[in-house]
Amino acid sequence: MTTNTTTVTQLCRRLYDEADSDADQATTPDVGVVMGSDSDLDAMQGAFDAFEELGFDEQTAFHDPPDGRFSYETYVVSAHRTPELMRAYGQAATGRGLDVIVAGAGGKAADLPNVTASFAYPVPVVGVPVQEKSVDSVLGMPTGAPLVAVDAGKSFNAALSAVQVLAREHEPLRERLVEYHDGLQG
């Protein structure tokens, strides 16, 4: 138990240190992907597939960016088991250069997208209910606490929505989205 607590504490400190590092935004992940448990990986695979299809690289170390211009990172954080890590991730999001977060969670509570949106505000969060029973929780944010949500298990669409947010500022992404969409038509 002590090792886990130390690890979470160290990870929280690292997130805050990264936020304070004043890193060049072109070298930081553009999108954060978080999920409540590694058991959600299968449901979130669609997001990874969409990012890959649109030319994103996975960034596995904050200070070691991939070769591609656009990247995403992945974290397992839990609103219930590691709330301090979830809080640190959300609070450090802007300083770490994240422009949008895709958050997936299952179960009846499915609090991760909601709480991430609360801590990461004003960074947009796209919620992915991993299971059908999670939809009401993800959609149930009160007025003033915005969260974009997709249908249960539709993490591919969540990633597309995240890229749409980025495409407002990045012409190459807009072009990739248009090409992807046109490919669906033909």
Protein backbone atom coordinates (compact mmCIF):
# COMPACT_ATOMS: atom_id res chain seq x y z
CA MET A 1 0.00 0.00 0.00
CA THR A 2 2.79 2.44 0.82
CA THR A 3 4.47 1.81 -2.53
CA ASN A 4 1.23 2.60 -4.39
CA THR A 5 0.69 5.78 -2.37
CA THR A 6 4.28 6.87 -2.99
CA THR A 7 3.92 6.15 -6.69
CA VAL A 8 0.69 8.16 -6.96
CA THR A 9 2.22 11.02 -4.98
CA GLN A 10 5.29 11.03 -7.20
CA LEU A 11 3.16 10.94 -10.34
CA CYS A 12 1.06 13.87 -9.10
CA ARG A 13 4.22 15.86 -8.39
CA ARG A 14 5.55 15.03 -11.86
CA LEU A 15 2.33 16.26 -13.50
CA TYR A 16 2.49 19.56 -11.61
CA ASP A 17 6.22 19.91 -12.40
CA GLU A 18 5.51 19.34 -16.09
CA ALA A 19 2.81 22.01 -15.94
CA ASP A 20 5.32 24.44 -14.44
CA SER A 21 8.09 23.55 -16.93
CA ASP A 22 7.05 26.07 -19.59
CA ALA A 23 7.51 23.46 -22.35
CA ASP A 24 7.04 24.45 -25.98
CA GLN A 25 3.43 23.58 -26.80
CA ALA A 26 4.51 22.05 -30.13
CA THR A 27 6.35 19.36 -28.15
CA THR A 28 3.62 18.51 -25.64
CA PRO A 29 0.73 16.08 -26.16
CA ASP A 30 -2.27 17.74 -27.80
CA VAL A 31 -4.83 15.28 -26.44
CA GLY A 32 -4.99 13.45 -23.17
CA VAL A 33 -6.77 10.10 -23.06
CA VAL A 34 -7.74 8.95 -19.58
CA MET A 35 -9.68 5.93 -18.41
CA GLY A 36 -10.74 4.73 -15.00
CA SER A 37 -9.17 1.29 -15.26
CA ASP A 38 -7.02 -0.73 -17.60
CA SER A 39 -10.10 -2.91 -18.08
CA ASP A 40 -11.46 0.03 -20.14
CA LEU A 41 -8.65 -0.33 -22.70
CA ASP A 42 -10.73 -2.42 -25.11
CA ALA A 43 -13.54 0.14 -25.10
CA MET A 44 -11.06 2.99 -25.62
CA GLN A 45 -9.23 1.23 -28.49
CA GLY A 46 -11.40 3.09 -30.99
CA ALA A 47 -9.88 6.39 -29.84
CA PHE A 48 -6.37 5.07 -30.44
CA ASP A 49 -7.43 3.78 -33.86
CA ALA A 50 -8.89 7.17 -34.81
CA PHE A 51 -5.78 9.05 -33.69
CA GLU A 52 -3.58 6.66 -35.66
CA GLU A 53 -5.77 7.01 -38.75
CA LEU A 54 -5.48 10.80 -38.52
CA GLY A 55 -1.70 10.76 -38.16
CA PHE A 56 -1.29 11.25 -34.41
CA ASP A 57 1.59 9.66 -32.52
CA GLU A 58 1.39 8.39 -28.97
CA GLN A 59 3.62 10.39 -26.66
CA THR A 60 4.84 8.14 -23.86
CA ALA A 61 7.18 10.61 -22.13
CA PHE A 62 6.36 14.29 -21.64
CA HIS A 63 9.89 15.54 -22.37
CA ASP A 64 10.47 13.12 -25.27
CA PRO A 65 8.01 14.08 -28.03
CA PRO A 66 7.45 11.80 -31.01
CA ASP A 67 8.50 12.83 -34.51
CA GLY A 68 4.97 13.74 -35.66
CA ARG A 69 3.52 17.19 -34.95
CA PHE A 70 0.32 15.93 -33.30
CA SER A 71 0.25 13.53 -30.39
CA TYR A 72 -1.81 12.08 -27.58
CA GLU A 73 -0.96 10.56 -24.22
CA THR A 74 -2.71 7.88 -22.20
CA TYR A 75 -3.20 7.63 -18.43
CA VAL A 76 -5.19 5.32 -16.19
CA VAL A 77 -6.63 7.43 -13.39
CA SER A 78 -9.61 6.72 -11.17
CA ALA A 79 -12.01 9.17 -9.58
CA HIS A 80 -12.49 6.60 -6.79
CA ARG A 81 -9.18 4.72 -6.38
CA THR A 82 -6.71 7.53 -7.16
CA PRO A 83 -8.69 10.77 -6.80
CA GLU A 84 -5.56 12.82 -6.09
CA LEU A 85 -4.02 11.65 -9.38
CA MET A 86 -7.22 12.45 -11.26
CA ARG A 87 -7.28 15.91 -9.66
CA ALA A 88 -3.60 16.53 -10.52
CA TYR A 89 -4.13 15.40 -14.11
CA GLY A 90 -7.07 17.76 -14.58
CA GLN A 91 -5.52 20.72 -12.81
CA ALA A 92 -2.22 20.37 -14.68
CA ALA A 93 -3.83 19.90 -18.12
CA THR A 94 -3.57 23.49 -19.34
CA GLY A 95 -0.01 23.98 -18.09
CA ARG A 96 1.04 20.70 -19.70
CA GLY A 97 -0.24 21.92 -23.08
CA LEU A 98 -3.27 19.65 -23.45
CA ASP A 99 -5.91 21.16 -25.71
CA VAL A 100 -8.61 18.53 -25.16
CA ILE A 101 -9.13 15.40 -23.05
CA VAL A 102 -10.98 12.20 -23.94
CA ALA A 103 -12.14 10.52 -20.73
CA GLY A 104 -13.66 7.05 -20.60
CA ALA A 105 -15.25 5.38 -17.60
CA GLY A 106 -17.56 2.49 -16.93
CA GLY A 107 -19.83 1.38 -14.17
CA LYS A 108 -22.96 3.04 -12.91
CA ALA A 109 -21.15 6.06 -11.45
CA ALA A 110 -18.75 6.69 -14.38
CA ASP A 111 -17.47 9.80 -12.60
CA LEU A 112 -14.12 10.17 -14.37
CA PRO A 113 -15.27 12.27 -17.36
CA ASN A 114 -17.37 14.53 -15.13
CA VAL A 115 -14.74 15.12 -12.47
CA THR A 116 -11.99 15.53 -15.07
CA ALA A 117 -14.11 18.19 -16.79
CA SER A 118 -14.53 19.96 -13.48
CA PHE A 119 -10.81 20.04 -12.65
CA ALA A 120 -9.53 20.62 -16.20
CA TYR A 121 -11.90 23.51 -16.99
CA PRO A 122 -11.67 25.31 -19.44
CA VAL A 123 -9.97 22.44 -21.33
CA PRO A 124 -12.76 20.65 -23.25
CA VAL A 125 -13.45 17.07 -22.17
CA VAL A 126 -15.15 14.46 -24.34
CA GLY A 127 -16.74 11.78 -22.16
CA VAL A 128 -16.96 8.16 -23.25
CA PRO A 129 -19.36 5.99 -21.26
CA VAL A 130 -17.68 2.59 -21.55
CA GLN A 131 -20.94 0.73 -20.94
CA GLU A 132 -24.59 1.49 -21.66
CA LYS A 133 -25.30 1.82 -17.92
CA SER A 134 -22.76 4.68 -17.76
CA VAL A 135 -24.51 6.97 -20.27
CA ASP A 136 -26.79 8.80 -17.82
CA SER A 137 -23.91 9.60 -15.49
CA VAL A 138 -21.73 11.01 -18.26
CA LEU A 139 -24.61 13.06 -19.68
CA GLY A 140 -25.76 14.30 -16.28
CA MET A 141 -23.47 17.28 -15.76
CA PRO A 142 -25.18 20.34 -14.28
CA THR A 143 -25.43 23.69 -16.04
CA GLY A 144 -22.09 25.49 -15.92
CA ALA A 145 -20.05 22.28 -15.88
CA PRO A 146 -19.79 21.41 -19.58
CA LEU A 147 -18.88 17.99 -20.88
CA VAL A 148 -19.20 16.78 -24.45
CA ALA A 149 -20.28 13.14 -24.57
CA VAL A 150 -20.57 10.35 -27.11
CA ASP A 151 -22.68 7.20 -26.95
CA ALA A 152 -21.56 4.15 -24.98
CA GLY A 153 -18.37 2.65 -26.33
CA LYS A 154 -17.97 5.19 -29.14
CA SER A 155 -14.41 6.19 -28.33
CA PHE A 156 -13.59 6.47 -32.05
CA ASN A 157 -16.15 9.29 -32.29
CA ALA A 158 -14.75 10.85 -29.11
CA ALA A 159 -11.32 11.03 -30.73
CA LEU A 160 -12.82 12.53 -33.89
CA SER A 161 -14.51 15.18 -31.73
CA ALA A 162 -11.21 15.93 -30.02
CA VAL A 163 -9.49 16.35 -33.38
CA GLN A 164 -12.32 18.66 -34.51
CA VAL A 165 -11.51 20.92 -31.55
CA LEU A 166 -7.83 20.97 -32.57
CA ALA A 167 -8.66 21.46 -36.26
CA ARG A 168 -10.05 24.92 -35.51
CA GLU A 169 -6.44 26.06 -34.98
CA HIS A 170 -4.51 23.59 -37.14
CA GLU A 171 -5.17 23.51 -40.88
CA PRO A 172 -3.40 20.17 -41.46
CA LEU A 173 -5.82 18.51 -39.04
CA ARG A 174 -8.79 20.14 -40.71
CA GLU A 175 -7.59 18.76 -44.04
CA ARG A 176 -7.16 15.27 -42.56
CA LEU A 177 -10.68 15.38 -41.10
CA VAL A 178 -12.19 16.50 -44.40
CA GLU A 179 -10.31 13.75 -46.24
CA TYR A 180 -11.47 11.18 -43.67
CA HIS A 181 -15.07 12.37 -43.96
CA ASP A 182 -14.96 12.42 -47.76
CA GLY A 183 -13.67 8.84 -47.66
CA LEU A 184 -16.79 7.81 -45.76
CA GLN A 185 -18.97 9.24 -48.52
CA GLY A 186 -17.48 7.28 -51.38
